[in-house]
C-alpha atoms as a PDB file:
ATOM      1  CA  MET A   1      88.026 135.835 100.646  1.00  0.00           C
ATOM      2  CA  SER A   2      87.970 132.332 102.107  1.00  0.00           C
ATOM      3  CA  GLN A   3      85.707 129.640 100.653  1.00  0.00           C
ATOM      4  CA  LEU A   4      84.051 126.532 101.980  1.00  0.00           C
ATOM      5  CA  ARG A   5      84.313 123.602  99.569  1.00  0.00           C
ATOM      6  CA  LEU A   6      82.614 120.248 100.012  1.00  0.00           C
ATOM      7  CA  ASN A   7      84.665 117.070  99.757  1.00  0.00           C
ATOM      8  CA  PRO A   8      82.216 114.728  97.981  1.00  0.00           C
ATOM      9  CA  LEU A   9      84.265 111.642  98.914  1.00  0.00           C
ATOM     10  CA  ALA A  10      84.204 112.202 102.665  1.00  0.00           C
ATOM     11  CA  GLY A  11      81.092 114.369 102.867  1.00  0.00           C
ATOM     12  CA  ARG A  12      82.988 117.025 104.853  1.00  0.00           C
ATOM     13  CA  TRP A  13      83.586 120.742 104.362  1.00  0.00           C
ATOM     14  CA  VAL A  14      87.085 122.140 103.979  1.00  0.00           C
ATOM     15  CA  THR A  15      88.121 125.797 104.095  1.00  0.00           C
ATOM     16  CA  ILE A  16      90.229 127.276 101.286  1.00  0.00           C
ATOM     17  CA  SER A  17      91.822 130.408 102.694  1.00  0.00           C
ATOM     18  CA  GLY A  18      93.574 131.898  99.676  1.00  0.00           C
ATOM     19  CA  ASP A  19      94.191 135.253 101.333  1.00  0.00           C
ATOM     20  CA  ARG A  20      96.471 133.461 103.789  1.00  0.00           C
ATOM     21  CA  ALA A  21      98.371 131.496 101.153  1.00  0.00           C
ATOM     22  CA  PHE A  22     102.147 131.430 101.355  1.00  0.00           C
ATOM     23  CA  ARG A  23     104.503 131.295  98.428  1.00  0.00           C
ATOM     24  CA  PRO A  24     106.347 127.955  98.088  1.00  0.00           C
ATOM     25  CA  GLY A  25     109.432 129.532  99.674  1.00  0.00           C
ATOM     26  CA  ALA A  26     107.521 129.860 102.925  1.00  0.00           C
ATOM     27  CA  PHE A  27     107.651 126.090 103.301  1.00  0.00           C
ATOM     28  CA  ASP A  28     111.358 125.907 103.975  1.00  0.00           C
ATOM     29  CA  PRO A  29     112.630 122.359 104.446  1.00  0.00           C
ATOM     30  CA  ARG A  30     112.099 121.400 108.048  1.00  0.00           C
ATOM     31  CA  MET A  31     111.902 117.628 107.927  1.00  0.00           C
ATOM     32  CA  LEU A  32     113.443 116.145 111.026  1.00  0.00           C
ATOM     33  CA  PRO A  33     115.719 113.217 110.228  1.00  0.00           C
ATOM     34  CA  VAL A  34     114.673 109.801 111.377  1.00  0.00           C
ATOM     35  CA  GLU A  35     116.954 109.173 114.321  1.00  0.00           C
ATOM     36  CA  ALA A  36     119.954 107.024 113.535  1.00  0.00           C
ATOM     37  CA  ASP A  37     119.991 103.498 114.928  1.00  0.00           C
ATOM     38  CA  PRO A  38     123.418 102.136 115.875  1.00  0.00           C
ATOM     39  CA  ARG A  39     122.363  98.706 114.660  1.00  0.00           C
ATOM     40  CA  PRO A  40     122.598  97.743 110.982  1.00  0.00           C
ATOM     41  CA  CYS A  41     119.533  98.700 108.953  1.00  0.00           C
ATOM     42  CA  PRO A  42     117.120  95.730 109.048  1.00  0.00           C
ATOM     43  CA  PHE A  43     115.772  96.569 105.585  1.00  0.00           C
ATOM     44  CA  CYS A  44     119.085  96.716 103.718  1.00  0.00           C
ATOM     45  CA  PRO A  45     120.314  93.778 101.603  1.00  0.00           C
ATOM     46  CA  GLY A  46     122.541  91.498 103.621  1.00  0.00           C
ATOM     47  CA  HIS A  47     120.613  92.047 106.862  1.00  0.00           C
ATOM     48  CA  GLU A  48     117.594  89.899 106.056  1.00  0.00           C
ATOM     49  CA  GLU A  49     118.075  87.932 109.284  1.00  0.00           C
ATOM     50  CA  ALA A  50     117.030  91.080 111.220  1.00  0.00           C
ATOM     51  CA  THR A  51     113.422  90.647 110.057  1.00  0.00           C
ATOM     52  CA  PRO A  52     111.040  87.693 110.132  1.00  0.00           C
ATOM     53  CA  PRO A  53     111.223  85.478 107.024  1.00  0.00           C
ATOM     54  CA  ALA A  54     109.907  87.214 103.918  1.00  0.00           C
ATOM     55  CA  LEU A  55     106.328  86.615 102.842  1.00  0.00           C
ATOM     56  CA  GLU A  56     107.183  87.649  99.279  1.00  0.00           C
ATOM     57  CA  THR A  57     110.321  88.714  97.417  1.00  0.00           C
ATOM     58  CA  TYR A  58     110.500  90.203  93.939  1.00  0.00           C
ATOM     59  CA  GLY A  59     113.564  90.383  91.740  1.00  0.00           C
ATOM     60  CA  PRO A  60     116.211  88.126  90.213  1.00  0.00           C
ATOM     61  CA  ALA A  61     117.379  85.120  92.198  1.00  0.00           C
ATOM     62  CA  GLY A  62     119.684  86.162  94.995  1.00  0.00           C
ATOM     63  CA  GLN A  63     118.978  89.885  94.556  1.00  0.00           C
ATOM     64  CA  TRP A  64     115.625  91.122  95.779  1.00  0.00           C
ATOM     65  CA  LEU A  65     114.157  94.422  94.564  1.00  0.00           C
ATOM     66  CA  VAL A  66     110.987  94.428  96.703  1.00  0.00           C
ATOM     67  CA  ARG A  67     110.572  92.501  99.928  1.00  0.00           C
ATOM     68  CA  VAL A  68     107.467  91.966 102.088  1.00  0.00           C
ATOM     69  CA  VAL A  69     107.928  90.862 105.710  1.00  0.00           C
ATOM     70  CA  PRO A  70     105.748  90.611 108.826  1.00  0.00           C
ATOM     71  CA  ASN A  71     105.993  93.630 111.129  1.00  0.00           C
ATOM     72  CA  LEU A  72     107.979  92.833 114.279  1.00  0.00           C
ATOM     73  CA  TYR A  73     105.689  95.111 116.278  1.00  0.00           C
ATOM     74  CA  PRO A  74     102.243  94.545 114.767  1.00  0.00           C
ATOM     75  CA  ALA A  75      99.268  96.704 115.610  1.00  0.00           C
ATOM     76  CA  PHE A  76      97.012  93.902 114.295  1.00  0.00           C
ATOM     77  CA  SER A  77      97.769  90.200 114.580  1.00  0.00           C
ATOM     78  CA  GLY A  78      96.043  86.856 114.925  1.00  0.00           C
ATOM     79  CA  GLN A  79      93.152  85.171 113.181  1.00  0.00           C
ATOM     80  CA  ASP A  80      90.462  85.445 115.826  1.00  0.00           C
ATOM     81  CA  PRO A  81      87.112  86.620 114.467  1.00  0.00           C
ATOM     82  CA  LEU A  82      85.945  90.054 115.551  1.00  0.00           C
ATOM     83  CA  THR A  83      84.144  89.452 118.831  1.00  0.00           C
ATOM     84  CA  VAL A  84      82.882  92.513 120.652  1.00  0.00           C
ATOM     85  CA  GLU A  85      82.785  92.572 124.443  1.00  0.00           C
ATOM     86  CA  HIS A  86      80.690  95.055 126.412  1.00  0.00           C
ATOM     87  CA  LEU A  87      82.349  95.630 129.779  1.00  0.00           C
ATOM     88  CA  GLY A  88      80.147  98.486 130.893  1.00  0.00           C
ATOM     89  CA  PRO A  89      77.910 101.301 129.669  1.00  0.00           C
ATOM     90  CA  VAL A  90      80.745 102.978 127.737  1.00  0.00           C
ATOM     91  CA  PHE A  91      83.405 100.219 127.742  1.00  0.00           C
ATOM     92  CA  THR A  92      83.424  98.155 124.544  1.00  0.00           C
ATOM     93  CA  GLN A  93      86.424  96.252 123.227  1.00  0.00           C
ATOM     94  CA  ALA A  94      87.537  93.569 120.786  1.00  0.00           C
ATOM     95  CA  ARG A  95      90.799  91.852 119.903  1.00  0.00           C
ATOM     96  CA  ALA A  96      92.856  93.730 117.287  1.00  0.00           C
ATOM     97  CA  SER A  97      93.201  90.677 115.062  1.00  0.00           C
ATOM     98  CA  GLY A  98      94.473  90.924 111.513  1.00  0.00           C
ATOM     99  CA  ILE A  99      97.684  91.388 109.528  1.00  0.00           C
ATOM    100  CA  HIS A 100     100.493  93.942 109.749  1.00  0.00           C
ATOM    101  CA  GLU A 101     103.260  93.785 107.148  1.00  0.00           C
ATOM    102  CA  ILE A 102     106.169  95.882 105.909  1.00  0.00           C
ATOM    103  CA  PHE A 103     106.911  96.263 102.212  1.00  0.00           C
ATOM    104  CA  VAL A 104     110.456  97.404 101.508  1.00  0.00           C
ATOM    105  CA  PHE A 105     110.085  98.920  98.071  1.00  0.00           C
ATOM    106  CA  THR A 106     113.738  99.426  97.172  1.00  0.00           C
ATOM    107  CA  PRO A 107     117.032  97.955  98.360  1.00  0.00           C
ATOM    108  CA  ASP A 108     118.579 101.462  98.252  1.00  0.00           C
ATOM    109  CA  HIS A 109     118.792 102.803 101.819  1.00  0.00           C
ATOM    110  CA  ASP A 110     118.883 106.492 100.838  1.00  0.00           C
ATOM    111  CA  SER A 111     116.274 106.401  98.099  1.00  0.00           C
ATOM    112  CA  SER A 112     112.533 107.141  98.146  1.00  0.00           C
ATOM    113  CA  TRP A 113     109.493 106.524  95.930  1.00  0.00           C
ATOM    114  CA  ALA A 114     110.433 109.736  94.092  1.00  0.00           C
ATOM    115  CA  ASP A 115     113.653 108.024  92.950  1.00  0.00           C
ATOM    116  CA  LEU A 116     112.132 104.816  91.566  1.00  0.00           C
ATOM    117  CA  ASP A 117     112.408 104.122  87.867  1.00  0.00           C
ATOM    118  CA  ASP A 118     109.301 103.048  85.961  1.00  0.00           C
ATOM    119  CA  LYS A 119     110.095  99.338  86.231  1.00  0.00           C
ATOM    120  CA  GLN A 120     110.632  99.489  89.992  1.00  0.00           C
ATOM    121  CA  ALA A 121     107.497 101.572  90.566  1.00  0.00           C
ATOM    122  CA  GLY A 122     105.495  98.993  88.614  1.00  0.00           C
ATOM    123  CA  LEU A 123     107.052  96.169  90.611  1.00  0.00           C
ATOM    124  CA  VAL A 124     106.035  97.850  93.864  1.00  0.00           C
ATOM    125  CA  MET A 125     102.444  98.146  92.638  1.00  0.00           C
ATOM    126  CA  ALA A 126     102.487  94.472  91.594  1.00  0.00           C
ATOM    127  CA  ALA A 127     103.621  93.549  95.109  1.00  0.00           C
ATOM    128  CA  LEU A 128     100.771  95.588  96.605  1.00  0.00           C
ATOM    129  CA  ARG A 129      98.315  93.875  94.274  1.00  0.00           C
ATOM    130  CA  ASP A 130      99.528  90.445  95.401  1.00  0.00           C
ATOM    131  CA  ARG A 131      99.328  91.309  99.092  1.00  0.00           C
ATOM    132  CA  PHE A 132      95.862  92.871  98.742  1.00  0.00           C
ATOM    133  CA  GLU A 133      94.696  89.686  97.024  1.00  0.00           C
ATOM    134  CA  ASP A 134      96.160  87.553  99.800  1.00  0.00           C
ATOM    135  CA  HIS A 135      94.475  89.695 102.447  1.00  0.00           C
ATOM    136  CA  ALA A 136      91.169  89.510 100.587  1.00  0.00           C
ATOM    137  CA  ASN A 137      91.332  85.719 100.856  1.00  0.00           C
ATOM    138  CA  THR A 138      92.174  85.761 104.579  1.00  0.00           C
ATOM    139  CA  PRO A 139      89.169  85.042 106.820  1.00  0.00           C
ATOM    140  CA  GLY A 140      88.332  87.904 109.143  1.00  0.00           C
ATOM    141  CA  VAL A 141      90.161  90.618 107.190  1.00  0.00           C
ATOM    142  CA  ARG A 142      87.576  93.106 105.976  1.00  0.00           C
ATOM    143  CA  TYR A 143      89.781  95.943 104.798  1.00  0.00           C
ATOM    144  CA  THR A 144      93.438  96.456 103.824  1.00  0.00           C
ATOM    145  CA  GLN A 145      95.234  99.773 104.162  1.00  0.00           C
ATOM    146  CA  ALA A 146      98.532 100.447 102.378  1.00  0.00           C
ATOM    147  CA  ILE A 147     100.556 103.468 103.500  1.00  0.00           C
ATOM    148  CA  VAL A 148     103.966 105.056 103.058  1.00  0.00           C
ATOM    149  CA  ASN A 149     105.154 107.449 105.766  1.00  0.00           C
ATOM    150  CA  HIS A 150     108.052 109.591 104.526  1.00  0.00           C
ATOM    151  CA  GLY A 151     109.873 111.542 107.208  1.00  0.00           C
ATOM    152  CA  ARG A 152     109.631 111.547 110.965  1.00  0.00           C
ATOM    153  CA  GLU A 153     106.787 114.091 111.076  1.00  0.00           C
ATOM    154  CA  ALA A 154     104.818 111.741 108.829  1.00  0.00           C
ATOM    155  CA  GLY A 155     105.347 108.785 111.163  1.00  0.00           C
ATOM    156  CA  ALA A 156     108.454 107.053 109.786  1.00  0.00           C
ATOM    157  CA  SER A 157     110.654 105.394 112.410  1.00  0.00           C
ATOM    158  CA  VAL A 158     113.177 103.720 110.053  1.00  0.00           C
ATOM    159  CA  HIS A 159     115.053 105.736 107.424  1.00  0.00           C
ATOM    160  CA  HIS A 160     115.139 103.002 104.775  1.00  0.00           C
ATOM    161  CA  PRO A 161     112.197 103.590 102.385  1.00  0.00           C
ATOM    162  CA  HIS A 162     109.323 101.268 103.148  1.00  0.00           C
ATOM    163  CA  GLY A 163     105.575 101.126 103.543  1.00  0.00           C
ATOM    164  CA  GLN A 164     103.071  99.232 105.622  1.00  0.00           C
ATOM    165  CA  LEU A 165     100.128  96.972 104.871  1.00  0.00           C
ATOM    166  CA  LEU A 166      97.482  96.536 107.545  1.00  0.00           C
ATOM    167  CA  GLY A 167      94.654  94.030 107.143  1.00  0.00           C
ATOM    168  CA  ILE A 168      92.011  94.807 109.743  1.00  0.00           C
ATOM    169  CA  PRO A 169      88.782  93.150 110.924  1.00  0.00           C
ATOM    170  CA  PHE A 170      86.483  96.137 110.331  1.00  0.00           C
ATOM    171  CA  VAL A 171      85.835  98.869 107.775  1.00  0.00           C
ATOM    172  CA  PRO A 172      87.217 102.165 109.161  1.00  0.00           C
ATOM    173  CA  LYS A 173      85.085 105.288 109.167  1.00  0.00           C
ATOM    174  CA  GLU A 174      87.213 107.095 106.577  1.00  0.00           C
ATOM    175  CA  LEU A 175      86.500 104.331 104.063  1.00  0.00           C
ATOM    176  CA  SER A 176      82.897 104.010 105.115  1.00  0.00           C
ATOM    177  CA  ASP A 177      82.504 107.759 104.543  1.00  0.00           C
ATOM    178  CA  GLU A 178      84.073 107.430 101.079  1.00  0.00           C
ATOM    179  CA  GLU A 179      81.785 104.524 100.217  1.00  0.00           C
ATOM    180  CA  HIS A 180      78.805 106.660 101.206  1.00  0.00           C
ATOM    181  CA  GLY A 181      80.206 109.477  99.067  1.00  0.00           C
ATOM    182  CA  PHE A 182      80.094 107.216  96.017  1.00  0.00           C
ATOM    183  CA  GLU A 183      76.579 106.133  96.938  1.00  0.00           C
ATOM    184  CA  ARG A 184      75.363 109.717  97.382  1.00  0.00           C
ATOM    185  CA  PHE A 185      76.768 110.972  94.092  1.00  0.00           C
ATOM    186  CA  ALA A 186      73.978 111.113  91.545  1.00  0.00           C
ATOM    187  CA  GLY A 187      76.111 111.361  88.410  1.00  0.00           C
ATOM    188  CA  GLY A 188      77.647 107.883  88.424  1.00  0.00           C
ATOM    189  CA  CYS A 189      81.165 107.455  89.827  1.00  0.00           C
ATOM    190  CA  VAL A 190      82.398 110.554  91.650  1.00  0.00           C
ATOM    191  CA  LEU A 191      86.034 109.926  90.642  1.00  0.00           C
ATOM    192  CA  CYS A 192      85.254 109.170  86.988  1.00  0.00           C
ATOM    193  CA  THR A 193      83.311 112.439  86.991  1.00  0.00           C
ATOM    194  CA  THR A 194      86.234 114.175  88.696  1.00  0.00           C
ATOM    195  CA  LEU A 195      88.541 113.035  85.884  1.00  0.00           C
ATOM    196  CA  GLU A 196      86.219 114.506  83.275  1.00  0.00           C
ATOM    197  CA  ALA A 197      85.532 117.728  85.166  1.00  0.00           C
ATOM    198  CA  GLU A 198      89.183 118.421  85.960  1.00  0.00           C
ATOM    199  CA  ALA A 199      90.222 117.727  82.358  1.00  0.00           C
ATOM    200  CA  GLU A 200      87.650 120.306  81.248  1.00  0.00           C
ATOM    201  CA  ALA A 201      88.705 122.817  83.924  1.00  0.00           C
ATOM    202  CA  GLY A 202      92.361 122.272  83.066  1.00  0.00           C
ATOM    203  CA  TYR A 203      94.043 124.115  85.934  1.00  0.00           C
ATOM    204  CA  ARG A 204      94.187 121.629  88.824  1.00  0.00           C
ATOM    205  CA  THR A 205      95.698 118.749  86.843  1.00  0.00           C
ATOM    206  CA  VAL A 206      99.300 117.938  87.748  1.00  0.00           C
ATOM    207  CA  LEU A 207      99.888 114.890  85.536  1.00  0.00           C
ATOM    208  CA  GLU A 208      97.954 112.717  83.130  1.00  0.00           C
ATOM    209  CA  ASP A 209      98.673 109.788  80.862  1.00  0.00           C
ATOM    210  CA  ASP A 210      96.689 106.955  79.333  1.00  0.00           C
ATOM    211  CA  GLY A 211      96.380 105.110  82.646  1.00  0.00           C
ATOM    212  CA  ALA A 212      96.254 107.646  85.471  1.00  0.00           C
ATOM    213  CA  VAL A 213      95.545 111.270  86.327  1.00  0.00           C
ATOM    214  CA  VAL A 214      96.863 113.286  89.279  1.00  0.00           C
ATOM    215  CA  VAL A 215      95.014 116.391  90.438  1.00  0.00           C
ATOM    216  CA  CYS A 216      95.173 118.800  93.320  1.00  0.00           C
ATOM    217  CA  PRO A 217      91.516 118.181  94.166  1.00  0.00           C
ATOM    218  CA  TYR A 218      89.075 121.089  94.300  1.00  0.00           C
ATOM    219  CA  TRP A 219      88.365 120.174  97.916  1.00  0.00           C
ATOM    220  CA  SER A 220      92.022 119.882  99.037  1.00  0.00           C
ATOM    221  CA  GLY A 221      92.239 120.067 102.806  1.00  0.00           C
ATOM    222  CA  THR A 222      96.011 120.551 103.021  1.00  0.00           C
ATOM    223  CA  PRO A 223      98.610 122.426 100.911  1.00  0.00           C
ATOM    224  CA  TYR A 224      99.805 120.494  97.849  1.00  0.00           C
ATOM    225  CA  GLU A 225      97.471 117.570  98.524  1.00  0.00           C
ATOM    226  CA  MET A 226      97.176 115.353  95.460  1.00  0.00           C
ATOM    227  CA  LEU A 227      94.717 112.691  94.374  1.00  0.00           C
ATOM    228  CA  VAL A 228      95.985 109.892  92.107  1.00  0.00           C
ATOM    229  CA  ILE A 229      93.157 108.337  90.086  1.00  0.00           C
ATOM    230  CA  PRO A 230      93.461 105.407  87.677  1.00  0.00           C
ATOM    231  CA  ARG A 231      91.431 106.107  84.544  1.00  0.00           C
ATOM    232  CA  ALA A 232      89.930 102.607  84.482  1.00  0.00           C
ATOM    233  CA  HIS A 233      87.042 102.249  86.909  1.00  0.00           C
ATOM    234  CA  GLU A 234      87.809  99.414  89.328  1.00  0.00           C
ATOM    235  CA  GLY A 235      86.824  99.132  92.969  1.00  0.00           C
ATOM    236  CA  HIS A 236      89.543  96.784  94.204  1.00  0.00           C
ATOM    237  CA  LEU A 237      93.232  97.537  93.761  1.00  0.00           C
ATOM    238  CA  HIS A 238      94.078  93.856  93.458  1.00  0.00           C
ATOM    239  CA  GLU A 239      91.688  93.494  90.512  1.00  0.00           C
ATOM    240  CA  ALA A 240      93.214  96.377  88.530  1.00  0.00           C
ATOM    241  CA  LYS A 241      94.913  95.542  85.244  1.00  0.00           C
ATOM    242  CA  PRO A 242      98.735  95.413  85.286  1.00  0.00           C
ATOM    243  CA  GLY A 243      99.031  98.406  82.978  1.00  0.00           C
ATOM    244  CA  ASP A 244      96.869 100.539  85.265  1.00  0.00           C
ATOM    245  CA  LEU A 245      98.964  99.577  88.283  1.00  0.00           C
ATOM    246  CA  VAL A 246     102.139 100.521  86.417  1.00  0.00           C
ATOM    247  CA  SER A 247     100.610 103.873  85.431  1.00  0.00           C
ATOM    248  CA  VAL A 248      99.649 104.682  89.014  1.00  0.00           C
ATOM    249  CA  GLY A 249     103.077 103.724  90.377  1.00  0.00           C
ATOM    250  CA  ARG A 250     104.785 105.830  87.710  1.00  0.00           C
ATOM    251  CA  ALA A 251     102.449 108.782  88.307  1.00  0.00           C
ATOM    252  CA  ILE A 252     103.178 108.704  92.036  1.00  0.00           C
ATOM    253  CA  GLN A 253     106.921 108.743  91.340  1.00  0.00           C
ATOM    254  CA  ARG A 254     106.574 111.705  88.978  1.00  0.00           C
ATOM    255  CA  VAL A 255     104.525 113.889  91.302  1.00  0.00           C
ATOM    256  CA  LEU A 256     106.629 113.063  94.367  1.00  0.00           C
ATOM    257  CA  ASP A 257     109.685 114.115  92.380  1.00  0.00           C
ATOM    258  CA  ARG A 258     107.959 117.407  91.511  1.00  0.00           C
ATOM    259  CA  LEU A 259     106.979 117.913  95.158  1.00  0.00           C
ATOM    260  CA  ARG A 260     110.620 117.469  96.188  1.00  0.00           C
ATOM    261  CA  ARG A 261     111.827 119.864  93.494  1.00  0.00           C
ATOM    262  CA  LEU A 262     109.322 122.468  94.660  1.00  0.00           C
ATOM    263  CA  LEU A 263     109.509 122.135  98.447  1.00  0.00           C
ATOM    264  CA  GLN A 264     112.673 120.051  98.879  1.00  0.00           C
ATOM    265  CA  ASP A 265     112.457 116.932 101.043  1.00  0.00           C
ATOM    266  CA  VAL A 266     109.211 117.567 102.914  1.00  0.00           C
ATOM    267  CA  PRO A 267     107.509 114.774 104.853  1.00  0.00           C
ATOM    268  CA  TYR A 268     104.397 113.222 103.376  1.00  0.00           C
ATOM    269  CA  ASN A 269     101.955 110.375 103.727  1.00  0.00           C
ATOM    270  CA  LEU A 270     100.971 108.247 100.754  1.00  0.00           C
ATOM    271  CA  VAL A 271      97.683 106.444 101.357  1.00  0.00           C
ATOM    272  CA  PHE A 272      95.984 103.905  99.077  1.00  0.00           C
ATOM    273  CA  HIS A 273      92.205 103.505  99.272  1.00  0.00           C
ATOM    274  CA  SER A 274      90.665 100.359  97.825  1.00  0.00           C
ATOM    275  CA  SER A 275      87.165  98.998  98.246  1.00  0.00           C
ATOM    276  CA  PRO A 276      86.732  96.935 101.418  1.00  0.00           C
ATOM    277  CA  HIS A 277      87.068  93.218 100.773  1.00  0.00           C
ATOM    278  CA  LEU A 278      83.849  91.472  99.690  1.00  0.00           C
ATOM    279  CA  HIS A 279      82.163  94.829  99.003  1.00  0.00           C
ATOM    280  CA  ASP A 280      80.759  95.285  95.519  1.00  0.00           C
ATOM    281  CA  SER A 281      79.839  98.925  95.042  1.00  0.00           C
ATOM    282  CA  MET A 282      80.560 101.998  92.913  1.00  0.00           C
ATOM    283  CA  PHE A 283      83.944 102.492  94.639  1.00  0.00           C
ATOM    284  CA  HIS A 284      86.943 103.558  92.498  1.00  0.00           C
ATOM    285  CA  TRP A 285      90.348 102.781  94.023  1.00  0.00           C
ATOM    286  CA  HIS A 286      92.816 105.671  94.263  1.00  0.00           C
ATOM    287  CA  ALA A 287      95.715 107.114  96.254  1.00  0.00           C
ATOM    288  CA  HIS A 288      96.135 110.274  98.326  1.00  0.00           C
ATOM    289  CA  VAL A 289      99.428 112.188  98.551  1.00  0.00           C
ATOM    290  CA  LEU A 290      99.339 114.276 101.729  1.00  0.00           C
ATOM    291  CA  PRO A 291     102.392 116.514 102.289  1.00  0.00           C
ATOM    292  CA  LYS A 292     102.925 117.697 105.851  1.00  0.00           C
ATOM    293  CA  VAL A 293     103.913 121.321 105.358  1.00  0.00           C
ATOM    294  CA  THR A 294     101.553 122.833 107.918  1.00  0.00           C
ATOM    295  CA  THR A 295     100.375 121.763 111.349  1.00  0.00           C
ATOM    296  CA  ARG A 296      96.863 120.640 112.130  1.00  0.00           C
ATOM    297  CA  ALA A 297      95.971 123.037 114.932  1.00  0.00           C
ATOM    298  CA  GLY A 298      93.175 123.498 117.442  1.00  0.00           C
ATOM    299  CA  PHE A 299      90.401 124.459 115.030  1.00  0.00           C
ATOM    300  CA  GLU A 300      91.070 121.468 112.779  1.00  0.00           C
ATOM    301  CA  LEU A 301      91.351 119.089 115.713  1.00  0.00           C
ATOM    302  CA  GLY A 302      88.277 120.499 117.412  1.00  0.00           C
ATOM    303  CA  THR A 303      85.987 120.583 114.394  1.00  0.00           C
ATOM    304  CA  GLY A 304      87.450 118.191 111.824  1.00  0.00           C
ATOM    305  CA  VAL A 305      87.287 121.077 109.315  1.00  0.00           C
ATOM    306  CA  MET A 306      90.626 121.560 107.557  1.00  0.00           C
ATOM    307  CA  ILE A 307      91.966 125.022 106.657  1.00  0.00           C
ATOM    308  CA  ASN A 308      94.103 124.965 103.518  1.00  0.00           C
ATOM    309  CA  VAL A 309      96.251 128.084 103.032  1.00  0.00           C
ATOM    310  CA  VAL A 310      97.350 127.120  99.491  1.00  0.00           C
ATOM    311  CA  PRO A 311      94.385 126.893  97.102  1.00  0.00           C
ATOM    312  CA  PRO A 312      94.604 123.782  94.921  1.00  0.00           C
ATOM    313  CA  GLU A 313      94.665 125.922  91.787  1.00  0.00           C
ATOM    314  CA  GLN A 314      97.871 127.582  93.019  1.00  0.00           C
ATOM    315  CA  ALA A 315      99.295 124.264  94.218  1.00  0.00           C
ATOM    316  CA  ALA A 316      98.837 122.699  90.784  1.00  0.00           C
ATOM    317  CA  ALA A 317     100.434 125.707  89.097  1.00  0.00           C
ATOM    318  CA  ASP A 318     103.409 125.506  91.464  1.00  0.00           C
ATOM    319  CA  LEU A 319     103.870 121.785  90.869  1.00  0.00           C
ATOM    320  CA  ASN A 320     103.595 122.217  87.117  1.00  0.00           C
ATOM    321  CA  SER A 321     106.211 124.962  87.203  1.00  0.00           C
ATOM    322  CA  VAL A 322     108.921 122.487  88.239  1.00  0.00           C
ATOM    323  CA  THR A 323     108.357 119.926  85.478  1.00  0.00           C
ATOM    324  CA  PRO A 324     111.803 118.644  84.423  1.00  0.00           C
END
């Protein structure tokens, strides 16, 4: 029988439809390749002139390991303050000012986050920390979103592994909803409580170490969704301790490797949520791993209520079954 489960972060119901669950084999690899570009890859070593000058590079002199560059086609740009114009009864607009950057997190063209070693994963997290801090000190930037889109269905347009950083002049509703979720929760921090409750339950945990825990959350809205939670309570990613950043980067690598072993090279989105800049609240920064193994159809689009055909308990068991 299907269940409704409440997502306490977003304040939204999801539907767990276990009777409709497929075995992992039902999710045969179907990732469409990112279309080949006849031009040299702009993110590969030796082609640095194909991008704007780097904002940051990490690695030994003459051999970068992580590179951050401005996006050639930014969705947000400029330093104008957010000024709202009302052009009519239902016509309101503002300039999309802000920052849009690319972080190339490995020089290896055919790699992915799942292939990073511990040192490289930690270096990527250090680069994110530095860019979040820079954004936090940029006037007009109220929130920074870091994402990795893996596979064409997940939004990737360039094959070389990379992510995006977007500093925007407003707090988006998804983050505002999460902030309200922390405020509504009566037992302290909802994610600190999640760590404790899932450790006690024991059957939705995918990975845990001294610095981070990964669970298939009780309220998973999509099959094999994972929530990566640093153990240390900190609202802002850029204020996290180096060891916690390393733990999160390593945990993400481990679970993405398991996901690939289980479902082969499926597309996914990796999304980091940090407290909006200048906000001081109960927020606990974290990351979402969102595999794209099913399609969001009419009911989900029409209602905003997700239907998950793989209960998180089964998803965690499947992911734990492929531990190297």
